[in-house]
Protein backbone atom coordinates (compact mmCIF):
# COMPACT_ATOMS: atom_id res chain seq x y z
CA MET A 1 4.13 -3.46 -2.59
CA LYS A 2 3.28 0.19 -3.02
CA ASP A 3 6.98 1.11 -3.03
CA GLN A 4 7.69 -1.49 -5.73
CA GLN A 5 4.87 -0.12 -7.86
CA LYS A 6 6.12 3.45 -7.44
CA ALA A 7 9.68 2.38 -8.32
CA SER A 8 8.36 0.70 -11.48
CA GLU A 9 6.45 3.84 -12.45
CA ILE A 10 9.56 5.96 -11.99
CA ALA A 11 11.62 3.52 -14.04
CA SER A 12 8.99 3.59 -16.80
CA ASN A 13 9.09 7.38 -16.89
CA ARG A 14 12.88 7.34 -17.07
CA MET A 15 12.73 4.76 -19.85
CA GLN A 16 10.45 7.01 -21.88
CA LEU A 17 13.02 9.79 -21.52
CA VAL A 18 16.03 7.78 -22.66
CA ALA A 19 14.38 5.55 -25.27
CA PRO A 20 14.91 8.01 -28.15
CA LEU A 21 18.61 8.18 -27.27
CA LEU A 22 19.01 4.42 -27.68
CA ARG A 23 18.48 4.45 -31.43
CA GLU A 24 21.63 3.02 -32.99
CA GLU A 25 21.44 5.17 -36.12
CA LEU A 26 22.06 8.38 -34.13
CA ASP A 27 25.50 9.87 -34.55
CA ALA A 28 27.16 11.75 -31.70
CA THR A 29 25.87 15.15 -32.84
CA GLU A 30 22.29 13.95 -33.20
CA GLN A 31 22.42 12.27 -29.81
CA ARG A 32 23.77 15.42 -28.16
CA GLN A 33 21.04 17.56 -29.77
CA LEU A 34 18.36 15.11 -28.72
CA ARG A 35 19.73 15.00 -25.17
CA GLN A 36 19.68 18.82 -25.03
CA GLN A 37 16.09 18.80 -26.26
CA ILE A 38 15.10 16.33 -23.51
CA VAL A 39 16.85 18.52 -20.93
CA ALA A 40 14.98 21.61 -22.15
CA GLN A 41 11.60 19.84 -22.13
CA THR A 42 11.93 18.15 -18.75
CA GLY A 43 14.02 20.54 -16.71
CA LEU A 44 16.37 17.71 -15.75
CA SER A 45 20.09 18.32 -15.89
CA GLU A 46 22.09 16.89 -18.75
CA ARG A 47 24.10 14.92 -16.20
CA THR A 48 20.93 13.26 -14.91
CA VAL A 49 19.84 12.25 -18.41
CA ARG A 50 23.32 10.83 -19.10
CA ARG A 51 23.22 8.90 -15.81
CA TYR A 52 19.84 7.38 -16.69
CA LEU A 53 21.20 6.37 -20.08
CA ASP A 54 24.35 4.87 -18.58
CA ARG A 55 22.36 2.95 -15.97
CA TYR A 56 20.05 1.55 -18.64
CA ARG A 57 22.97 0.43 -20.77
CA GLU A 58 24.64 -1.18 -17.77
CA LYS A 59 21.68 -2.84 -16.02
CA GLY A 60 18.71 -2.54 -18.34
CA PHE A 61 15.30 -1.49 -17.06
CA GLU A 62 16.24 -2.40 -13.48
CA GLY A 63 18.99 0.20 -13.60
CA LEU A 64 16.36 2.90 -14.00
CA ARG A 65 14.58 2.01 -10.78
CA PRO A 66 15.39 4.39 -7.94
CA LYS A 67 17.78 2.99 -5.38
CA SER A 68 16.02 1.99 -2.21
CA ARG A 69 17.11 3.83 0.86
CA GLY A 70 17.80 1.42 3.65
CA VAL A 71 16.58 2.47 7.05
CA ALA A 72 18.73 1.49 9.96
CA VAL A 73 16.76 -0.20 12.70
CA SER A 74 18.26 -0.27 16.16
CA THR A 75 17.48 -3.15 18.48
């Protein structure tokens, strides 16, 4: 349960980052400038911000949740 809650918090934080970039009225130049501003403010790479945006567009909020890391259990 704790892991699910943490994943939701992370997804919410990522959503707050990309939400301004989802405005349809932004042209390519405005979106690039806004993305660069987010990068400067957060310290994230531009690639990371683009990946978050792509994941949101592809899978919605669930796409922003961190991928769980499966642990192999030997029997």
